[in-house]
Structures are given as structure tokens and as C-alpha cells.
Amino acid sequence: MAEYSKSSKATSNDLWGHETASGGKSRALRLREEEEAKGVVKVKYAGQQKGQWMPRAIKKQERQVDGSLSKLQKQFNVEKSEAPAPAPTPVVKTEASSSTAAKGSTSSSWRIPHDKASTSTTSFNGAADLDELADDDKKPKIEESQAKRPKLEPVPARAPVDPNRDQVVDGAPRLAQHIRTSSKFVKVAGMAYALLEGKQVTEKNAGAFFEVLAAGMEDPHRLRDVTMRVAVRRLYSAAIAKKHFFPAECELTLRVWQLRVLTQIELFTDDSFQFTKAAKAVREAVEGLPCIYPALEPKHAPKHLPEQERAVWRDAIFDCGEACMLHHKHLWAKTTADMVVKAMVDRRQNFSEEQQRTLQEWNATVKGQFIMRQQAHQQRDIHAKREQSSYERKEAEWHESDITTAKGGDIQGGNVDNWLAKQSNN
């Protein structure tokens, strides 16, 4: 029994790491010495291993690969050398790969810079940008079956720029051609704005640059598009600010663009103060035209425009009046739009026949809604009177009548005090 207990005690001590009779060392100490002899570093706690963490399966696979390589190296006496760098592969770009790369990109910041996020470019690189605009027209439509085929994109070589040539004079005809296209308007307007802000437009080449501005205004209704409004305002406000560069014959057109472009863009707002200010500028321009009857002229009427300039101004004024009527549906813009339409109707002989018919429709709309507002106001007063008490009705009746007193005989107002005075005299 003593021998059994002694053997069981020795076994338990050996299992739990206590000292044993053989050598005076515990089992844990012997295992640690064996691991240190093999070169394995024992970690005290799990999760505190040295180096970068990786999954256990990958670590085990790497150990197996390293072990097999070391065996081969020892067998054939091969020294370990670094693997050669892979050769560069050509860049292959497809629509599918570009969309996948955009989704799976891991950049340091997810925010897009402000200059790259803008819809229009504000730089002009000369013939390279013009060739890129021309290539957009020549690009064939890609079928769905060919959309995912890899295509190599060669880097275009830019021709050297001759410092003696004027980029504005050379590029103005092509910019004027591309700015007429609505899909390219924003991009070309950004290039033209870059020429103005880059001080490349001077008195020598301003005449050629004016052709680009005139081509952009061949369709003036494009500025009402929300996507083009910012580019239009930025380009033409910069051109009007530098009007001293342009020839004298362009001065009238620039003054008309001040009203037709900048003032009309200010009308497209939901701010009542800005709308009223822009409508006032339109009304002042309308007053530059003579009235159909001299009696309708205001007392302090401004000097009328010359006859040769009235045809240019009438189209700009009509466009602004049309913009005002687009806001007539809002209650805060009705009165201001009515004043502009009335001023145009009083001078309707200055407009074309088609424009006069449109003015008659606007006038009918304005008068009809004005009558409806008057009737609604009267109905509100009638309902307010119906809700009066008997005392309020009698008080209103005495205020409207005249009575005389027996004492003085003077006619006085029929208020409550005089009525009480009459009762006391009686």
C-alpha cells in the first residue's frame, strides 16, 4: 500500500511539474530546456508572440515550405538567394476592371480634392486639350460584347509648344466649334475661363477670343440648365470684368450680356430679395424703351435707347421677362413679376409680333390672378362680417351714421360716446 501511494505521488508530481527524484528537475523545466535547445522561444501568454500576426494555418504552411527548402539546400548545397523582381507588365484597362478597381481601391483618404471633384476643368494645355475634344466626336460606340476586351492605352506625345505662337489665336476657332455642343459646353467654358484667369487674353488676341464667347451665346436658353449655370456665370462674369481688353465694337454686346446672362441667372433663385433686385434691373432696362402712349411715360423716365440698339436689347429683355414669369407660380414672386410684365405691355410696340402675342398671354394671366386675389380678399372680409356679434354690428352702424344733439345741433360722428350723450339729453 505504501509502495502504491509512493508511485502515485511521484506520478502526480511529475504531471503537475513538481520536482521528481530523477535529477532533481521538474518536467516543466526539462521541457523548457529542450525547447530552448531547439531554438524555439517560449511565450509566457498566448497572443504575445513577436513579429506580425498571421493565421495559424498560414504560419504552419510557411514553416513546411521553409523546412522543405532548407532540406533541399542542405542536400544540394544551394545558397539561399533573393527572388528576382518581376518584369513590368503593360497596363490593361477595361470598363469592368476600371469599375472594380474604383470600388476596391485602398487609398489613404477617401475624400476627393475639390479641384478634381468639379465638373469642369479650369486648365488649358493648348493643342492637346483641343485634340482630346476632337477625339470625343470620332470615338465609335463600343458594343457590349467588346466592352470588356482589354485595350492598351498609349500615352499621347505632346508636340513642343512654340513660344512665338499665340495659343489664344490658334485655339479660338476650335474652342468656338466645340462650345456650340451642349455636352462639351461645361468643359470648354472651363478652358476659356482658364485663359482669362491665366492672363493669356490680351488686347491683341481679345477679338479672336470674343468669337468663343459669341458662339457660346448662340443658344442663350442653355444657361437655364442647372448643370451649365455655374460655368456660364463664371465665364461671362470674368469676360465682362475684363471688357477693356475687347474692341470697341464688342462693348454693346457685353452690356447686353450683363442683362441677358448674369441678371437672368440671378432670377433663377428662391431668395425673394435677390429676385426683387434682379427684377428691378430688368424693369429699368424696359424703361429704356418708349411707351406705346406718351401719357404712360413715368415722370422721371430715363433717356430712351437709340433706335439702332433697341432690337438687340428687346430680345435680352424678353428673355428676362420670360424668366420672371417662370417664377410667377410662387406667391412671393407674383407682385414683382406683375410689375415687370406691366412695364413690358406698356411698351409692347418695341417687340416682334410673336413676342407681342406672348405678352398678351402674360397680361391675361396676370390680370386674371389679380382679380382672383381681390375676390378672395373680399370674400374674407364678408366672412369676417358674418362672424361679428350684435354689439359689433350696432357699433359699426353708429359709426357710419350721423346724428344731431338737441343742445348744440351740430352734426357729429355717430360713435358710441355721442350716442350716450344723446340718450342723456333725452
Protein backbone atom coordinates (compact mmCIF):
# COMPACT_ATOMS: atom_id res chain seq x y z
CA MET A 1 0.00 0.00 0.00
CA ALA A 2 2.89 2.31 0.84
CA GLU A 3 4.54 1.46 -2.45
CA TYR A 4 1.32 2.25 -4.39
CA SER A 5 0.90 5.59 -2.68
CA LYS A 6 4.51 6.45 -3.29
CA SER A 7 4.31 5.65 -7.01
CA SER A 8 1.03 7.54 -7.43
CA LYS A 9 2.51 10.54 -5.64
CA ALA A 10 5.53 10.51 -7.90
CA THR A 11 3.31 10.28 -10.96
CA SER A 12 1.15 13.22 -9.89
CA ASN A 13 4.16 15.33 -9.02
CA ASP A 14 5.70 14.61 -12.39
CA LEU A 15 2.49 15.51 -14.20
CA TRP A 16 1.96 18.81 -12.39
CA GLY A 17 5.55 19.95 -12.74
CA HIS A 18 6.85 19.27 -9.23
CA GLU A 19 10.31 18.02 -8.53
CA THR A 20 10.99 14.33 -9.08
CA ALA A 21 13.65 12.07 -7.78
CA SER A 22 15.49 11.79 -11.14
CA GLY A 23 17.94 14.67 -11.50
CA GLY A 24 16.07 16.98 -9.13
CA LYS A 25 14.36 18.85 -12.05
CA SER A 26 10.68 19.23 -12.77
CA ARG A 27 9.11 18.16 -16.00
CA ALA A 28 8.26 21.73 -16.97
CA LEU A 29 11.86 22.78 -16.52
CA ARG A 30 13.09 19.86 -18.59
CA LEU A 31 10.60 20.70 -21.40
CA ARG A 32 11.68 24.35 -21.40
CA GLU A 33 15.34 23.38 -21.68
CA GLU A 34 14.55 21.07 -24.59
CA GLU A 35 12.65 23.86 -26.42
CA GLU A 36 15.45 26.36 -25.85
CA ALA A 37 17.91 23.82 -27.23
CA LYS A 38 15.80 23.56 -30.39
CA GLY A 39 15.76 27.38 -30.75
CA VAL A 40 12.08 27.89 -30.03
CA VAL A 41 11.24 30.98 -27.95
CA LYS A 42 8.62 30.22 -25.31
CA VAL A 43 5.96 32.89 -24.90
CA LYS A 44 4.54 33.38 -21.47
CA TYR A 45 1.00 34.29 -22.52
CA ALA A 46 -0.88 33.44 -25.67
CA GLY A 47 -1.18 36.29 -28.19
CA GLN A 48 2.19 37.97 -27.28
CA GLN A 49 4.31 36.41 -30.00
CA LYS A 50 6.93 38.51 -31.73
CA GLY A 51 6.56 39.83 -35.28
CA GLN A 52 3.43 40.48 -37.35
CA TRP A 53 0.41 38.33 -36.55
CA MET A 54 -0.80 35.87 -39.13
CA PRO A 55 -3.27 32.97 -39.09
CA ARG A 56 -2.01 29.70 -37.68
CA ALA A 57 -2.70 27.77 -40.90
CA ILE A 58 -0.59 30.16 -43.00
CA LYS A 59 2.21 30.10 -40.42
CA LYS A 60 2.20 26.30 -40.47
CA GLN A 61 2.31 26.27 -44.26
CA GLU A 62 5.27 28.69 -44.29
CA ARG A 63 7.13 26.51 -41.80
CA GLN A 64 6.57 23.49 -44.01
CA VAL A 65 7.81 25.36 -47.10
CA ASP A 66 10.86 26.72 -45.25
CA GLY A 67 11.65 23.23 -43.92
CA SER A 68 11.44 21.63 -47.35
CA LEU A 69 13.63 24.36 -48.87
CA SER A 70 16.20 24.00 -46.12
CA LYS A 71 16.34 20.24 -46.73
CA LEU A 72 16.87 20.77 -50.46
CA GLN A 73 19.53 23.38 -49.84
CA LYS A 74 21.41 21.06 -47.48
CA GLN A 75 21.10 18.18 -49.92
CA PHE A 76 22.36 20.04 -53.00
CA ASN A 77 24.48 22.71 -51.18
CA VAL A 78 22.44 25.60 -52.65
CA GLU A 79 22.75 29.00 -51.01
CA LYS A 80 19.54 30.94 -50.43
CA SER A 81 19.24 33.98 -52.70
CA GLU A 82 16.59 36.66 -53.12
CA ALA A 83 13.98 36.17 -55.80
CA PRO A 84 14.37 38.45 -58.85
CA ALA A 85 11.90 41.33 -59.24
CA PRO A 86 9.03 40.55 -61.62
CA ALA A 87 9.12 42.21 -65.02
CA PRO A 88 6.70 45.14 -65.53
CA THR A 89 3.52 44.18 -67.31
CA PRO A 90 1.65 46.54 -69.69
CA VAL A 91 -1.33 48.38 -68.26
CA VAL A 92 -4.55 46.78 -69.46
CA LYS A 93 -7.70 48.79 -68.94
CA THR A 94 -11.27 47.66 -69.40
CA GLU A 95 -14.55 49.12 -68.34
CA ALA A 96 -15.19 46.23 -65.95
CA SER A 97 -11.70 46.37 -64.42
CA SER A 98 -11.85 50.14 -64.01
CA SER A 99 -15.15 49.92 -62.15
CA THR A 100 -13.80 47.06 -59.97
CA ALA A 101 -10.62 48.96 -59.20
CA ALA A 102 -12.61 52.04 -58.26
CA LYS A 103 -14.65 50.02 -55.79
CA GLY A 104 -11.72 48.13 -54.31
CA SER A 105 -9.13 50.91 -54.08
CA THR A 106 -7.47 51.42 -50.71
CA SER A 107 -6.24 54.99 -50.72
CA SER A 108 -5.05 56.88 -47.67
CA SER A 109 -8.02 59.23 -47.82
CA TRP A 110 -11.49 58.64 -49.22
CA ARG A 111 -12.19 62.31 -49.86
CA ILE A 112 -11.83 63.69 -53.41
CA PRO A 113 -9.99 67.02 -53.72
CA HIS A 114 -12.18 69.98 -54.61
CA ASP A 115 -10.43 70.70 -57.88
CA LYS A 116 -10.79 67.08 -59.06
CA ALA A 117 -14.44 66.84 -57.96
CA SER A 118 -15.54 69.79 -60.10
CA THR A 119 -17.39 69.02 -63.30
CA SER A 120 -15.45 71.46 -65.46
CA THR A 121 -11.73 71.71 -65.97
CA THR A 122 -10.02 75.02 -65.27
CA SER A 123 -6.84 74.43 -67.24
CA PHE A 124 -5.89 74.84 -70.88
CA ASN A 125 -2.96 72.82 -72.20
CA GLY A 126 -3.12 74.02 -75.76
CA ALA A 127 -3.42 71.69 -78.73
CA ALA A 128 -3.51 68.55 -76.57
CA ASP A 129 -6.84 69.50 -74.97
CA LEU A 130 -8.27 70.53 -78.34
CA ASP A 131 -7.26 67.20 -79.88
CA GLU A 132 -8.92 65.40 -76.98
CA LEU A 133 -12.16 67.30 -77.62
CA ALA A 134 -11.97 66.39 -81.30
CA ASP A 135 -11.34 62.72 -80.48
CA ASP A 136 -14.57 62.59 -78.47
CA ASP A 137 -16.54 63.10 -81.69
CA LYS A 138 -14.60 60.42 -83.58
CA LYS A 139 -14.83 57.71 -80.92
CA PRO A 140 -17.11 54.88 -82.17
CA LYS A 141 -19.76 53.43 -79.95
CA ILE A 142 -18.49 50.33 -78.12
CA GLU A 143 -20.78 47.31 -78.23
CA GLU A 144 -21.49 45.32 -75.10
CA SER A 145 -19.59 42.30 -76.44
CA GLN A 146 -16.48 44.42 -77.00
CA ALA A 147 -16.78 46.45 -73.82
CA LYS A 148 -14.76 44.02 -71.68
CA ARG A 149 -11.95 43.39 -74.15
CA PRO A 150 -8.56 44.60 -72.88
CA LYS A 151 -7.16 47.61 -74.67
CA LEU A 152 -3.74 49.18 -74.34
CA GLU A 153 -3.81 52.95 -73.95
CA PRO A 154 -0.69 54.54 -75.44
CA VAL A 155 0.46 57.76 -73.85
CA PRO A 156 -0.03 60.59 -76.38
CA ALA A 157 3.12 62.52 -77.12
CA ARG A 158 2.62 66.27 -76.91
CA ALA A 159 4.14 68.40 -79.55
CA PRO A 160 6.55 71.07 -78.36
CA VAL A 161 4.92 74.45 -77.86
CA ASP A 162 6.27 77.28 -79.95
CA PRO A 163 6.69 80.29 -77.64
CA ASN A 164 6.29 82.70 -80.57
CA ARG A 165 2.79 81.46 -81.47
CA ASP A 166 -0.32 82.77 -79.74
CA GLN A 167 -2.33 79.91 -78.21
CA VAL A 168 -5.49 82.01 -77.97
CA VAL A 169 -5.49 82.94 -81.67
CA ASP A 170 -4.70 79.37 -82.73
CA GLY A 171 -7.19 77.68 -80.40
CA ALA A 172 -10.11 80.14 -80.59
CA PRO A 173 -11.72 78.70 -83.78
CA ARG A 174 -11.65 75.17 -82.40
CA LEU A 175 -12.93 76.28 -78.99
CA ALA A 176 -15.77 78.16 -80.71
CA GLN A 177 -16.63 75.00 -82.65
CA HIS A 178 -16.74 72.76 -79.55
CA ILE A 179 -18.54 75.22 -77.26
CA ARG A 180 -21.61 75.02 -79.50
CA THR A 181 -22.09 71.39 -78.43
CA SER A 182 -24.09 71.17 -75.22
CA SER A 183 -22.28 68.06 -73.99
CA LYS A 184 -18.91 69.86 -74.23
CA PHE A 185 -20.04 73.30 -73.11
CA VAL A 186 -19.02 72.94 -69.46
CA LYS A 187 -15.55 71.62 -70.30
CA VAL A 188 -14.82 74.21 -72.99
CA ALA A 189 -16.14 77.01 -70.78
CA GLY A 190 -13.66 75.93 -68.11
CA MET A 191 -10.81 76.10 -70.64
CA ALA A 192 -11.88 79.57 -71.79
CA TYR A 193 -12.10 80.72 -68.19
CA ALA A 194 -8.56 79.40 -67.59
CA LEU A 195 -7.32 81.54 -70.49
CA LEU A 196 -8.92 84.63 -68.95
CA GLU A 197 -7.64 84.00 -65.45
CA GLY A 198 -4.21 82.96 -66.73
CA LYS A 199 -3.78 86.43 -68.28
CA GLN A 200 -3.36 84.92 -71.73
CA VAL A 201 -6.16 87.06 -73.19
CA THR A 202 -4.75 90.47 -74.08
CA GLU A 203 -5.78 93.38 -76.25
CA LYS A 204 -4.07 91.74 -79.24
CA ASN A 205 -5.98 88.45 -79.16
CA ALA A 206 -9.21 89.55 -77.38
CA GLY A 207 -11.00 89.87 -80.73
CA ALA A 208 -10.33 86.20 -81.51
CA PHE A 209 -11.36 85.15 -78.01
CA PHE A 210 -14.65 87.06 -78.39
CA GLU A 211 -15.66 84.56 -81.09
CA VAL A 212 -15.66 81.83 -78.42
CA LEU A 213 -17.99 83.89 -76.20
CA ALA A 214 -20.31 84.69 -79.10
CA ALA A 215 -20.50 81.02 -80.10
CA GLY A 216 -21.44 80.08 -76.54
CA MET A 217 -24.38 82.53 -76.62
CA GLU A 218 -25.87 81.33 -79.89
CA ASP A 219 -28.35 79.37 -77.77
CA PRO A 220 -28.95 81.68 -74.77
CA HIS A 221 -31.58 79.38 -73.25
CA ARG A 222 -28.88 76.88 -72.31
CA LEU A 223 -27.99 78.95 -69.26
CA ARG A 224 -31.32 77.93 -67.70
CA ASP A 225 -29.98 74.39 -67.36
CA VAL A 226 -28.84 73.80 -63.79
CA THR A 227 -25.76 71.82 -64.89
CA MET A 228 -24.49 74.67 -67.10
CA ARG A 229 -25.47 77.66 -64.99
CA VAL A 230 -22.30 77.79 -62.87
CA ALA A 231 -19.95 77.51 -65.86
CA VAL A 232 -21.86 80.19 -67.79
CA ARG A 233 -21.87 82.63 -64.89
CA ARG A 234 -18.16 82.15 -64.16
CA LEU A 235 -17.03 82.56 -67.78
CA TYR A 236 -19.13 85.59 -68.77
CA SER A 237 -18.69 87.44 -65.49
CA ALA A 238 -14.90 87.14 -65.96
CA ALA A 239 -15.21 88.36 -69.56
CA ILE A 240 -17.36 91.36 -68.57
CA ALA A 241 -14.90 92.23 -65.80
CA LYS A 242 -12.13 92.40 -68.46
CA LYS A 243 -14.18 94.26 -71.06
CA HIS A 244 -11.40 96.85 -71.52
CA PHE A 245 -9.40 94.21 -73.43
CA PHE A 246 -12.04 93.77 -76.15
CA PRO A 247 -12.51 96.02 -79.19
CA ALA A 248 -14.94 98.95 -79.12
CA GLU A 249 -17.50 97.18 -81.33
CA CYS A 250 -17.89 94.48 -78.66
CA GLU A 251 -18.88 96.94 -75.90
CA LEU A 252 -22.61 96.91 -76.70
CA THR A 253 -22.76 93.10 -76.77
CA LEU A 254 -21.01 92.87 -73.42
CA ARG A 255 -23.52 95.31 -71.87
CA VAL A 256 -26.39 93.25 -73.26
CA TRP A 257 -24.82 90.06 -71.82
CA GLN A 258 -24.72 91.74 -68.43
CA LEU A 259 -28.54 91.70 -68.51
CA ARG A 260 -29.20 88.62 -70.61
CA VAL A 261 -26.75 86.31 -68.85
CA LEU A 262 -25.86 87.49 -65.37
CA THR A 263 -29.15 89.18 -64.43
CA GLN A 264 -31.21 86.32 -65.86
CA ILE A 265 -29.21 83.76 -63.85
CA GLU A 266 -29.91 85.79 -60.69
CA LEU A 267 -33.64 85.48 -61.43
CA PHE A 268 -33.42 81.69 -61.03
CA THR A 269 -33.41 81.71 -57.25
CA ASP A 270 -35.67 81.04 -54.30
CA ASP A 271 -34.48 84.14 -52.44
CA SER A 272 -37.15 86.84 -52.66
CA PHE A 273 -34.66 89.67 -52.05
CA GLN A 274 -32.34 88.55 -54.84
CA PHE A 275 -35.30 88.04 -57.18
CA THR A 276 -36.65 91.52 -56.44
CA LYS A 277 -33.23 93.10 -57.03
CA ALA A 278 -32.77 91.32 -60.37
CA ALA A 279 -36.33 92.14 -61.46
CA LYS A 280 -35.69 95.81 -60.69
CA ALA A 281 -32.71 95.77 -63.07
CA VAL A 282 -34.95 94.24 -65.75
CA ARG A 283 -37.62 96.90 -65.20
CA GLU A 284 -35.02 99.68 -65.51
CA ALA A 285 -33.90 98.20 -68.82
CA VAL A 286 -37.52 98.06 -70.01
CA GLU A 287 -37.98 101.73 -69.20
CA GLY A 288 -35.25 102.49 -71.73
CA LEU A 289 -37.81 101.68 -74.45
CA PRO A 290 -40.55 104.23 -75.33
CA CYS A 291 -44.15 103.61 -74.24
CA ILE A 292 -46.93 102.99 -76.72
CA TYR A 293 -48.74 106.13 -75.42
CA PRO A 294 -46.87 109.23 -74.19
CA ALA A 295 -49.27 109.50 -71.25
CA LEU A 296 -47.95 106.20 -69.89
CA GLU A 297 -44.41 107.53 -69.56
CA PRO A 298 -43.32 107.87 -65.91
CA LYS A 299 -42.49 111.30 -64.52
CA HIS A 300 -38.81 110.61 -64.11
CA ALA A 301 -38.35 108.45 -67.20
CA PRO A 302 -34.75 107.68 -68.18
CA LYS A 303 -33.33 108.56 -71.55
CA HIS A 304 -34.59 106.22 -74.26
CA LEU A 305 -32.20 103.91 -76.08
CA PRO A 306 -31.16 104.71 -79.66
CA GLU A 307 -33.28 103.05 -82.31
CA GLN A 308 -30.39 101.00 -83.72
CA GLU A 309 -29.82 99.38 -80.30
CA ARG A 310 -33.43 98.58 -79.41
CA ALA A 311 -33.56 95.36 -81.44
CA VAL A 312 -30.59 93.96 -79.50
CA TRP A 313 -31.98 94.92 -76.11
CA ARG A 314 -35.54 93.72 -76.72
CA ASP A 315 -34.50 90.05 -77.03
CA ALA A 316 -32.50 90.26 -73.81
CA ILE A 317 -35.41 91.98 -72.02
CA PHE A 318 -37.90 89.41 -73.32
CA ASP A 319 -35.76 86.51 -72.07
CA CYS A 320 -35.59 88.10 -68.62
CA GLY A 321 -39.35 88.69 -68.64
CA GLU A 322 -39.88 85.04 -69.52
CA ALA A 323 -37.67 84.05 -66.59
CA CYS A 324 -39.80 86.24 -64.30
CA MET A 325 -42.98 84.53 -65.49
CA LEU A 326 -41.44 81.12 -64.74
CA HIS A 327 -41.42 82.21 -61.09
CA HIS A 328 -44.95 83.66 -61.19
CA LYS A 329 -46.28 80.42 -59.71
CA HIS A 330 -44.67 81.35 -56.36
CA LEU A 331 -46.65 83.65 -54.13
CA TRP A 332 -43.58 85.70 -53.12
CA ALA A 333 -42.77 86.48 -56.78
CA LYS A 334 -46.23 87.37 -58.12
CA THR A 335 -46.23 91.11 -57.40
CA THR A 336 -42.68 91.61 -58.68
CA ALA A 337 -43.38 89.67 -61.88
CA ASP A 338 -46.62 91.62 -62.41
CA MET A 339 -44.70 94.90 -62.38
CA VAL A 340 -42.22 93.65 -64.99
CA VAL A 341 -44.99 92.36 -67.27
CA LYS A 342 -46.97 95.61 -66.97
CA ALA A 343 -43.90 97.65 -67.94
CA MET A 344 -43.35 95.41 -70.99
CA VAL A 345 -47.02 95.57 -72.03
CA ASP A 346 -46.94 99.38 -71.92
CA ARG A 347 -44.02 99.23 -74.42
CA ARG A 348 -45.25 96.31 -76.49
CA GLN A 349 -44.74 98.07 -79.84
CA ASN A 350 -40.98 97.60 -79.47
CA PHE A 351 -41.22 93.80 -79.59
CA SER A 352 -41.82 91.44 -82.51
CA GLU A 353 -45.28 90.13 -83.41
CA GLU A 354 -44.64 86.74 -81.84
CA GLN A 355 -43.34 88.36 -78.69
CA GLN A 356 -46.41 90.64 -78.56
CA ARG A 357 -48.72 87.62 -78.65
CA THR A 358 -46.80 86.11 -75.75
CA LEU A 359 -47.06 89.41 -73.87
CA GLN A 360 -50.85 89.37 -74.29
CA GLU A 361 -50.98 85.88 -72.77
CA TRP A 362 -48.84 87.02 -69.84
CA ASN A 363 -51.01 90.06 -69.34
CA ALA A 364 -54.18 87.95 -69.31
CA THR A 365 -52.62 85.60 -66.75
CA VAL A 366 -51.51 88.49 -64.55
CA LYS A 367 -54.89 90.26 -64.65
CA GLY A 368 -56.84 87.08 -64.08
CA GLN A 369 -54.84 86.15 -60.99
CA PHE A 370 -55.05 89.73 -59.71
CA ILE A 371 -58.87 89.63 -59.94
CA MET A 372 -58.89 86.27 -58.16
CA ARG A 373 -56.79 87.71 -55.33
CA GLN A 374 -59.17 90.68 -55.00
CA GLN A 375 -62.18 88.41 -54.85
CA ALA A 376 -60.54 86.23 -52.24
CA HIS A 377 -59.82 89.35 -50.15
CA GLN A 378 -63.42 90.48 -50.42
CA GLN A 379 -64.74 87.07 -49.51
CA ARG A 380 -62.50 87.10 -46.46
CA ASP A 381 -63.99 90.46 -45.41
CA ILE A 382 -67.53 89.15 -45.93
CA HIS A 383 -66.87 86.09 -43.78
CA ALA A 384 -65.33 88.33 -41.13
CA LYS A 385 -68.51 90.48 -41.03
CA ARG A 386 -70.72 87.44 -40.74
CA GLU A 387 -68.89 86.37 -37.62
CA GLN A 388 -69.50 89.71 -35.80
CA SER A 389 -71.58 89.89 -32.66
CA SER A 390 -74.73 92.05 -32.39
CA TYR A 391 -72.85 94.69 -30.39
CA GLU A 392 -70.10 94.91 -33.07
CA ARG A 393 -72.70 95.23 -35.83
CA LYS A 394 -74.52 98.05 -33.97
CA GLU A 395 -71.25 99.81 -33.27
CA ALA A 396 -70.32 99.70 -36.96
CA GLU A 397 -73.79 101.00 -37.85
CA TRP A 398 -73.50 104.01 -35.48
CA HIS A 399 -70.01 104.81 -36.78
CA GLU A 400 -71.40 105.10 -40.31
CA SER A 401 -74.42 107.31 -39.38
CA ASP A 402 -74.66 111.00 -38.40
CA ILE A 403 -76.80 112.21 -35.50
CA THR A 404 -77.66 115.62 -34.06
CA THR A 405 -77.96 116.58 -30.43
CA ALA A 406 -80.83 118.78 -29.09
CA LYS A 407 -78.39 121.07 -27.33
CA GLY A 408 -75.96 122.16 -29.98
CA GLY A 409 -77.48 120.96 -33.16
CA ASP A 410 -74.08 120.19 -34.59
CA ILE A 411 -73.61 117.18 -36.75
CA GLN A 412 -71.17 114.84 -35.11
CA GLY A 413 -69.88 111.41 -35.77
CA GLY A 414 -72.05 108.53 -34.76
CA ASN A 415 -69.74 106.92 -32.28
CA VAL A 416 -70.72 105.33 -29.01
CA ASP A 417 -69.92 108.43 -26.90
CA ASN A 418 -72.22 110.69 -28.95
CA TRP A 419 -74.96 108.11 -28.78
CA LEU A 420 -74.69 108.00 -24.99
CA ALA A 421 -74.66 111.81 -24.91
CA LYS A 422 -77.87 111.86 -26.91
CA GLN A 423 -79.51 109.41 -24.58
CA SER A 424 -78.60 111.55 -21.58
CA ASN A 425 -80.03 114.69 -23.20
CA ASN A 426 -83.26 112.96 -23.90
